[in-house]
Amino acid sequence: MTMNGITTMRRISTGMFLSDIAMIFTAIVETKRLESEPETITIFWLLPQYILLGVSDIFTVVGMQEFFLQCSAGGDEDDRDSSLFKRVWRRELFERVNGVFG
């Protein structure tokens, strides 16, 4: 445990583990779907898979963001690069939206 709660690597590992559990559950549901009548399985069988994948993504992405934040230099140039990236990304998004709808 760190001052921020669980460590970065443990957070990423938890996300990966939950992703594995979701894949195992997916394989079980798919096997059951193939062996049974089509009317017996509803869409709600997919709900636990998507919940597990969502929670695993939260753990993994937050852990990766913390890891990259810890590894970054943390100077003023990072803020300028980030600001430049945001401006370029917004301009590109604006041009694509105008290309589709304009």
C-alpha atoms as a PDB file:
ATOM      1  CA  MET A   1       0.000   0.000   0.000  1.00  0.00           C
ATOM      2  CA  THR A   2       1.156   3.476  -0.807  1.00  0.00           C
ATOM      3  CA  MET A   3      -0.117   6.827   0.304  1.00  0.00           C
ATOM      4  CA  ASN A   4      -2.550   6.728  -2.649  1.00  0.00           C
ATOM      5  CA  GLY A   5      -4.000   3.308  -1.801  1.00  0.00           C
ATOM      6  CA  ILE A   6      -2.915   0.215  -3.689  1.00  0.00           C
ATOM      7  CA  THR A   7       0.304   0.335  -5.666  1.00  0.00           C
ATOM      8  CA  THR A   8       0.352   1.046  -9.372  1.00  0.00           C
ATOM      9  CA  MET A   9       1.507  -2.424 -10.386  1.00  0.00           C
ATOM     10  CA  ARG A  10      -1.058  -4.089  -8.131  1.00  0.00           C
ATOM     11  CA  ARG A  11      -3.799  -1.928  -9.699  1.00  0.00           C
ATOM     12  CA  ILE A  12      -2.728  -2.896 -13.227  1.00  0.00           C
ATOM     13  CA  SER A  13      -2.426  -6.564 -12.200  1.00  0.00           C
ATOM     14  CA  THR A  14      -5.912  -6.503 -10.690  1.00  0.00           C
ATOM     15  CA  GLY A  15      -7.299  -5.119 -13.939  1.00  0.00           C
ATOM     16  CA  MET A  16      -5.555  -7.794 -15.983  1.00  0.00           C
ATOM     17  CA  PHE A  17      -6.760 -10.536 -13.623  1.00  0.00           C
ATOM     18  CA  LEU A  18     -10.366  -9.327 -13.841  1.00  0.00           C
ATOM     19  CA  SER A  19     -10.036  -9.245 -17.617  1.00  0.00           C
ATOM     20  CA  ASP A  20      -8.934 -12.889 -17.566  1.00  0.00           C
ATOM     21  CA  ILE A  21     -11.901 -13.813 -15.365  1.00  0.00           C
ATOM     22  CA  ALA A  22     -14.234 -12.021 -17.801  1.00  0.00           C
ATOM     23  CA  MET A  23     -12.763 -13.996 -20.717  1.00  0.00           C
ATOM     24  CA  ILE A  24     -13.252 -17.280 -18.859  1.00  0.00           C
ATOM     25  CA  PHE A  25     -16.851 -16.326 -18.119  1.00  0.00           C
ATOM     26  CA  THR A  26     -17.300 -15.396 -21.778  1.00  0.00           C
ATOM     27  CA  ALA A  27     -16.042 -18.821 -22.878  1.00  0.00           C
ATOM     28  CA  ILE A  28     -18.445 -20.563 -20.496  1.00  0.00           C
ATOM     29  CA  VAL A  29     -21.421 -18.513 -21.714  1.00  0.00           C
ATOM     30  CA  GLU A  30     -20.503 -19.104 -25.364  1.00  0.00           C
ATOM     31  CA  THR A  31     -20.206 -22.843 -24.788  1.00  0.00           C
ATOM     32  CA  LYS A  32     -23.602 -22.866 -23.083  1.00  0.00           C
ATOM     33  CA  ARG A  33     -25.078 -20.804 -25.934  1.00  0.00           C
ATOM     34  CA  LEU A  34     -23.830 -23.223 -28.572  1.00  0.00           C
ATOM     35  CA  GLU A  35     -25.146 -26.268 -26.686  1.00  0.00           C
ATOM     36  CA  SER A  36     -28.616 -24.943 -25.854  1.00  0.00           C
ATOM     37  CA  GLU A  37     -31.713 -23.811 -27.694  1.00  0.00           C
ATOM     38  CA  PRO A  38     -31.543 -20.228 -28.996  1.00  0.00           C
ATOM     39  CA  GLU A  39     -34.561 -19.089 -26.956  1.00  0.00           C
ATOM     40  CA  THR A  40     -33.127 -20.151 -23.585  1.00  0.00           C
ATOM     41  CA  ILE A  41     -30.293 -17.624 -23.419  1.00  0.00           C
ATOM     42  CA  THR A  42     -31.115 -13.938 -23.199  1.00  0.00           C
ATOM     43  CA  ILE A  43     -29.011 -10.826 -23.588  1.00  0.00           C
ATOM     44  CA  PHE A  44     -28.691 -10.601 -19.801  1.00  0.00           C
ATOM     45  CA  TRP A  45     -26.160 -13.440 -19.889  1.00  0.00           C
ATOM     46  CA  LEU A  46     -23.718 -10.892 -21.359  1.00  0.00           C
ATOM     47  CA  LEU A  47     -24.170  -8.390 -18.528  1.00  0.00           C
ATOM     48  CA  PRO A  48     -21.644  -9.917 -16.062  1.00  0.00           C
ATOM     49  CA  GLN A  49     -19.014 -10.046 -18.808  1.00  0.00           C
ATOM     50  CA  TYR A  50     -19.402  -6.379 -19.622  1.00  0.00           C
ATOM     51  CA  ILE A  51     -19.421  -5.372 -15.968  1.00  0.00           C
ATOM     52  CA  LEU A  52     -16.204  -7.314 -15.335  1.00  0.00           C
ATOM     53  CA  LEU A  53     -14.568  -5.859 -18.442  1.00  0.00           C
ATOM     54  CA  GLY A  54     -15.591  -2.346 -17.395  1.00  0.00           C
ATOM     55  CA  VAL A  55     -14.171  -2.737 -13.906  1.00  0.00           C
ATOM     56  CA  SER A  56     -10.985  -4.317 -15.259  1.00  0.00           C
ATOM     57  CA  ASP A  57     -10.533  -1.420 -17.697  1.00  0.00           C
ATOM     58  CA  ILE A  58     -10.949   1.060 -14.858  1.00  0.00           C
ATOM     59  CA  PHE A  59      -8.225  -0.627 -12.803  1.00  0.00           C
ATOM     60  CA  THR A  60      -5.870  -1.069 -15.759  1.00  0.00           C
ATOM     61  CA  VAL A  61      -6.229   2.400 -17.294  1.00  0.00           C
ATOM     62  CA  VAL A  62      -6.008   4.243 -13.977  1.00  0.00           C
ATOM     63  CA  GLY A  63      -2.954   2.192 -13.049  1.00  0.00           C
ATOM     64  CA  MET A  64      -1.290   2.919 -16.387  1.00  0.00           C
ATOM     65  CA  GLN A  65      -2.019   6.632 -16.064  1.00  0.00           C
ATOM     66  CA  GLU A  66      -0.459   6.656 -12.605  1.00  0.00           C
ATOM     67  CA  PHE A  67       2.555   4.772 -13.908  1.00  0.00           C
ATOM     68  CA  PHE A  68       3.080   7.198 -16.795  1.00  0.00           C
ATOM     69  CA  LEU A  69       2.621  10.160 -14.464  1.00  0.00           C
ATOM     70  CA  GLN A  70       5.269   8.781 -12.124  1.00  0.00           C
ATOM     71  CA  CYS A  71       7.666   8.223 -15.035  1.00  0.00           C
ATOM     72  CA  SER A  72       7.222  11.633 -16.647  1.00  0.00           C
ATOM     73  CA  ALA A  73       9.731  14.403 -16.052  1.00  0.00           C
ATOM     74  CA  GLY A  74       7.106  16.865 -14.822  1.00  0.00           C
ATOM     75  CA  GLY A  75       8.499  20.149 -16.143  1.00  0.00           C
ATOM     76  CA  ASP A  76       6.952  23.151 -17.852  1.00  0.00           C
ATOM     77  CA  GLU A  77       7.712  21.682 -21.264  1.00  0.00           C
ATOM     78  CA  ASP A  78       5.247  18.882 -20.517  1.00  0.00           C
ATOM     79  CA  ASP A  79       2.472  21.442 -20.080  1.00  0.00           C
ATOM     80  CA  ARG A  80       3.357  23.140 -23.359  1.00  0.00           C
ATOM     81  CA  ASP A  81       3.450  19.828 -25.217  1.00  0.00           C
ATOM     82  CA  SER A  82       0.116  18.846 -23.730  1.00  0.00           C
ATOM     83  CA  SER A  83      -1.414  22.190 -24.674  1.00  0.00           C
ATOM     84  CA  LEU A  84      -0.077  21.909 -28.236  1.00  0.00           C
ATOM     85  CA  PHE A  85      -1.436  18.365 -28.517  1.00  0.00           C
ATOM     86  CA  LYS A  86      -4.857  19.486 -27.314  1.00  0.00           C
ATOM     87  CA  ARG A  87      -4.977  22.340 -29.848  1.00  0.00           C
ATOM     88  CA  VAL A  88      -3.938  20.092 -32.740  1.00  0.00           C
ATOM     89  CA  TRP A  89      -6.421  17.412 -31.652  1.00  0.00           C
ATOM     90  CA  ARG A  90      -9.272  19.928 -31.387  1.00  0.00           C
ATOM     91  CA  ARG A  91      -8.479  21.380 -34.804  1.00  0.00           C
ATOM     92  CA  GLU A  92      -8.334  17.908 -36.358  1.00  0.00           C
ATOM     93  CA  LEU A  93     -11.631  16.945 -34.713  1.00  0.00           C
ATOM     94  CA  PHE A  94     -13.255  20.182 -35.870  1.00  0.00           C
ATOM     95  CA  GLU A  95     -12.093  19.608 -39.463  1.00  0.00           C
ATOM     96  CA  ARG A  96     -13.364  16.025 -39.495  1.00  0.00           C
ATOM     97  CA  VAL A  97     -16.752  17.008 -38.096  1.00  0.00           C
ATOM     98  CA  ASN A  98     -17.056  19.779 -40.666  1.00  0.00           C
ATOM     99  CA  GLY A  99     -16.056  17.310 -43.377  1.00  0.00           C
ATOM    100  CA  VAL A 100     -18.823  14.915 -42.368  1.00  0.00           C
ATOM    101  CA  PHE A 101     -21.601  17.376 -41.584  1.00  0.00           C
ATOM    102  CA  GLY A 102     -20.521  20.479 -43.493  1.00  0.00           C
END
